[in-house]
């Protein structure tokens, strides 16, 4: 089986990690009724086992799990090896928790109790961002296959970032979309609100710290010194500006 074929087969497979059996049963039934293949587990150990055996298009991960397990710690562990989209579920509607979750690498953050239709809409939004060939440029064109800046290469169609040394750099869905917007808008100062619009992240609550946390993560991956960034610079009181020199390439 080719990698492309397997990816296509796994595009509708999602994993639910929640210690509440009623929630697991409800989500399995609802998402299967909407055309997804769903596996549901109740703890981190089972989650690790599933991820070792199968590939998933997305994961719903509860913040609080049994036996002292923490969804944020599991997410941090997962981000060390995978960029699979993760939607955090929590009974705590706390801004600090949301910021930490987004900073660790969550693609969305949903408080309980939730409406199933909203959950489905958020999942589909994350999957669309994941599988699209890229966000439209200001002209609406999608003709570039890759973008280059300062020796880095951003493969738009494969959604892959390659370092100047030729190493693949793992990016979450949100990080890729954020970097793509910056590269396509080099030299343009972008407010946090504008970044929300351009990355299609309006499904997240538009609070400044969420954007800041994502940029902190992105800087750690592309800046020589994340504490003194040269590519993504802050503009006090306004937002951010990307200064990396940009060039186009039609092939990888």
Foldseek 3Di string as FASTA:
>chain_A
DDPVVQCVVQLQEEEEEAQDVVVQVVLCVVSVVVPHHYDYDHDLVVVVVDVVPGDHQEYEFEQDGPPPDGRLVSLLVCVVPDQRAYEYEYQDPDPVVQLSSLLSRHPYYYYPPDDPVLVVVVVVVQSCLVQDLAFAAPVRDDQFQWKDFPLWIQGSRNRWIAHNVGDTDDDHSQLSNLVRNQQSQAPDFAALVRSCVSSVVPSHPSDPSSSVSSVLNNLVRHAPDSVDRDQWDADPPGGIHGHTDMDTDRDD
